[in-house]
C-alpha cells in the first residue's frame, strides 16, 4: 500500500521521505478560497479536505495538507509579490505567530481531519534584512513568506511545537493518524 500525497510541495515530499513513508504524488485539483474573515483553523482543515478529495480513489489512502500563518486574527498565506512578502515579514518581525496545518487522511476506514499548531517567534530585524531575504526569492510559495528550513531560519528566535509543521507537514500528527488508520505504511 502507498500513500497518495495530494500536493506538489517539495517540503512535504522531503518530510515523507525523511519519515520513510511510501508515497506517490498526485497534484490536487482544488482551488483555494481564503475569505478575509474566515476562521484560520476551519480554513486549513477545509483546504486539506478539498485537496485530498480532489485526487482520492476508493480503497486508497490519501493525504491532503494545508498550512498557513496566523497572527492577531489575520491569515498570512503565500505572498503574491515582493512587496507583499516585505509587508508580511515586517508585521511578523519581533513577534510570535502561529503556524497552522490542516491534515486530512482519507482511508477505506473513513475520513480523519485534524490540525496542528506551532508557535514561532521571530527575532527583531530591520528593513535591510527583510530586503536581503526577499531578494533571495526563498519566500515564494511559502505561507508567511518564509522558509524556516532555509535562510528564513535566520529570522526565527524560538519554535514551540512540531518543527516539521512549520516546514509544511506535522510529522507527529501524521504518524498518529497512520498508526490508527494505515499502520502498514509505517513499516
Protein backbone atom coordinates (compact mmCIF):
# COMPACT_ATOMS: atom_id res chain seq x y z
CA UNK A 1 0.00 0.00 0.00
CA UNK A 2 1.18 3.50 -0.83
CA UNK A 3 0.04 6.86 0.45
CA UNK A 4 -1.13 9.36 -2.17
CA UNK A 5 0.06 12.87 -1.33
CA UNK A 6 -2.31 15.49 -2.73
CA UNK A 7 0.42 18.13 -3.02
CA UNK A 8 3.30 19.25 -5.20
CA UNK A 9 5.19 20.73 -2.24
CA UNK A 10 8.87 19.71 -2.24
CA UNK A 11 8.90 20.22 1.54
CA UNK A 12 6.07 17.75 2.12
CA UNK A 13 7.74 15.28 -0.20
CA UNK A 14 11.02 15.60 1.74
CA UNK A 15 9.25 15.10 5.08
CA UNK A 16 7.54 11.91 3.88
CA UNK A 17 10.89 10.65 2.57
CA UNK A 18 12.53 11.52 5.90
CA UNK A 19 9.80 9.61 7.78
CA UNK A 20 10.21 6.70 5.32
CA UNK A 21 6.55 6.59 4.41
CA UNK A 22 5.97 5.16 0.90
CA UNK A 23 4.04 7.62 -1.24
CA UNK A 24 3.19 8.86 -4.68
CA UNK A 25 2.33 12.43 -5.64
CA UNK A 26 -0.92 13.47 -7.22
CA UNK A 27 -1.28 17.23 -7.79
CA UNK A 28 -4.59 18.34 -6.28
CA UNK A 29 -7.30 19.74 -8.50
CA UNK A 30 -8.59 22.19 -5.94
CA UNK A 31 -8.91 25.96 -5.88
CA UNK A 32 -8.33 27.61 -2.52
CA UNK A 33 -10.58 30.45 -1.44
CA UNK A 34 -9.47 32.45 1.58
CA UNK A 35 -12.22 34.79 2.77
CA UNK A 36 -10.64 37.55 4.91
CA UNK A 37 -12.93 36.81 7.86
CA UNK A 38 -12.51 33.02 7.81
CA UNK A 39 -11.58 31.09 10.93
CA UNK A 40 -7.95 30.03 10.27
CA UNK A 41 -8.36 26.54 11.76
CA UNK A 42 -11.50 25.87 9.71
CA UNK A 43 -9.74 27.26 6.65
CA UNK A 44 -6.71 24.91 6.76
CA UNK A 45 -8.89 21.93 7.62
CA UNK A 46 -11.29 22.66 4.74
CA UNK A 47 -8.43 23.13 2.28
CA UNK A 48 -6.82 19.86 3.41
CA UNK A 49 -10.10 18.01 2.84
CA UNK A 50 -10.63 19.64 -0.56
CA UNK A 51 -7.12 18.74 -1.73
CA UNK A 52 -7.39 15.13 -0.53
CA UNK A 53 -10.86 14.57 -2.00
CA UNK A 54 -9.80 16.01 -5.36
CA UNK A 55 -7.44 13.08 -6.01
CA UNK A 56 -8.78 10.27 -3.77
CA UNK A 57 -9.65 6.91 -5.25
CA UNK A 58 -11.88 4.43 -3.39
CA UNK A 59 -9.85 1.92 -1.40
CA UNK A 60 -6.78 4.15 -1.32
CA UNK A 61 -5.04 6.18 1.35
CA UNK A 62 -4.84 9.88 0.51
CA UNK A 63 -3.24 12.76 2.40
CA UNK A 64 -4.22 16.40 1.98
CA UNK A 65 -2.44 19.18 3.87
CA UNK A 66 -2.76 22.95 4.01
CA UNK A 67 -0.52 25.28 6.01
CA UNK A 68 -0.90 28.94 6.86
CA UNK A 69 0.39 31.53 9.31
CA UNK A 70 -1.92 33.33 11.73
CA UNK A 71 -1.35 36.46 13.82
CA UNK A 72 -3.80 38.84 15.50
CA UNK A 73 -6.82 37.48 13.66
CA UNK A 74 -5.14 37.71 10.27
CA UNK A 75 -4.23 34.82 7.99
CA UNK A 76 -0.90 35.11 6.17
CA UNK A 77 -0.89 32.80 3.19
CA UNK A 78 1.58 32.92 0.34
CA UNK A 79 2.76 36.39 -0.62
CA UNK A 80 1.67 37.44 -4.11
CA UNK A 81 4.77 39.53 -4.81
CA UNK A 82 7.90 41.04 -3.24
CA UNK A 83 6.01 43.98 -1.76
CA UNK A 84 3.52 41.66 -0.03
CA UNK A 85 6.40 39.48 1.23
CA UNK A 86 8.18 42.53 2.72
CA UNK A 87 4.96 43.66 4.40
CA UNK A 88 4.30 40.21 5.89
CA UNK A 89 7.82 39.86 7.26
CA UNK A 90 7.74 43.37 8.73
CA UNK A 91 4.49 42.53 10.54
CA UNK A 92 5.89 39.24 11.88
CA UNK A 93 9.26 40.70 12.98
CA UNK A 94 9.83 40.58 16.74
CA UNK A 95 6.53 38.78 17.34
CA UNK A 96 5.14 35.33 17.99
CA UNK A 97 2.80 33.88 15.35
CA UNK A 98 1.01 30.57 14.91
CA UNK A 99 1.66 28.16 12.06
CA UNK A 100 -1.46 26.09 11.39
CA UNK A 101 -1.66 22.96 9.26
CA UNK A 102 -4.85 21.15 8.43
CA UNK A 103 -4.37 17.45 7.74
CA UNK A 104 -6.90 15.18 6.05
CA UNK A 105 -6.33 11.43 5.78
CA UNK A 106 -8.81 9.53 3.62
CA UNK A 107 -8.72 5.75 4.06
CA UNK A 108 -11.08 2.82 3.49
CA UNK A 109 -11.84 3.16 7.22
CA UNK A 110 -13.03 6.74 7.00
CA UNK A 111 -12.05 10.39 6.97
CA UNK A 112 -9.79 11.92 9.61
CA UNK A 113 -9.40 15.70 9.71
CA UNK A 114 -7.09 17.24 12.29
CA UNK A 115 -4.88 20.26 12.65
CA UNK A 116 -1.57 21.13 14.27
CA UNK A 117 -0.44 24.44 15.75
CA UNK A 118 3.15 25.54 16.25
CA UNK A 119 4.21 28.85 17.78
CA UNK A 120 7.09 30.62 16.05
CA UNK A 121 8.75 33.72 17.48
CA UNK A 122 10.70 35.91 15.10
CA UNK A 123 13.58 37.94 16.42
CA UNK A 124 13.57 41.67 15.75
CA UNK A 125 15.14 42.54 12.40
CA UNK A 126 15.45 45.67 10.29
CA UNK A 127 14.12 46.58 6.87
CA UNK A 128 17.50 45.95 5.21
CA UNK A 129 17.46 42.34 6.45
CA UNK A 130 13.93 41.92 5.13
CA UNK A 131 15.08 43.30 1.76
CA UNK A 132 18.01 40.85 1.65
CA UNK A 133 15.76 37.92 2.48
CA UNK A 134 13.12 38.91 -0.05
CA UNK A 135 15.80 39.32 -2.74
CA UNK A 136 16.80 35.68 -2.14
CA UNK A 137 13.43 34.59 -3.56
CA UNK A 138 13.07 31.92 -0.90
CA UNK A 139 9.77 33.45 0.29
CA UNK A 140 7.97 32.45 -2.93
CA UNK A 141 5.25 29.87 -2.40
CA UNK A 142 5.64 29.91 1.40
CA UNK A 143 2.97 30.63 3.98
CA UNK A 144 4.03 33.74 5.88
CA UNK A 145 6.67 34.47 3.21
CA UNK A 146 9.48 32.48 4.85
CA UNK A 147 11.07 29.03 4.86
CA UNK A 148 12.28 28.04 8.32
CA UNK A 149 14.38 25.20 6.88
CA UNK A 150 16.35 27.62 4.71
CA UNK A 151 17.73 31.13 5.03
CA UNK A 152 14.45 32.07 6.71
CA UNK A 153 15.65 30.14 9.74
CA UNK A 154 17.85 33.16 10.49
CA UNK A 155 14.70 35.14 11.30
CA UNK A 156 13.50 32.67 13.95
CA UNK A 157 14.23 33.08 17.63
CA UNK A 158 12.07 30.27 19.03
CA UNK A 159 9.81 27.38 17.99
CA UNK A 160 7.25 25.79 20.33
CA UNK A 161 5.71 22.63 18.93
CA UNK A 162 6.29 20.46 15.88
CA UNK A 163 9.10 21.96 13.78
CA UNK A 164 8.03 19.88 10.78
CA UNK A 165 4.65 21.62 10.92
CA UNK A 166 6.41 24.90 10.18
CA UNK A 167 8.16 23.26 7.22
CA UNK A 168 4.77 22.14 5.89
CA UNK A 169 3.66 18.78 7.31
CA UNK A 170 3.19 17.99 11.01
CA UNK A 171 5.07 14.69 11.29
CA UNK A 172 3.86 13.69 14.75
CA UNK A 173 0.21 14.21 13.81
CA UNK A 174 0.61 12.30 10.54
CA UNK A 175 2.27 9.34 12.26
CA UNK A 176 -0.54 9.21 14.84
CA UNK A 177 -3.18 9.20 12.09
CA UNK A 178 -1.35 6.49 10.15
CA UNK A 179 -0.91 4.36 13.28
CA UNK A 180 -4.69 4.45 13.73
CA UNK A 181 -5.79 4.05 10.09
CA UNK A 182 -2.96 2.62 7.96
CA UNK A 183 -0.18 1.23 10.18
CA UNK A 184 1.22 -0.84 7.31
CA UNK A 185 2.54 2.41 5.80
CA UNK A 186 4.83 2.85 8.81
CA UNK A 187 6.71 -0.39 8.12
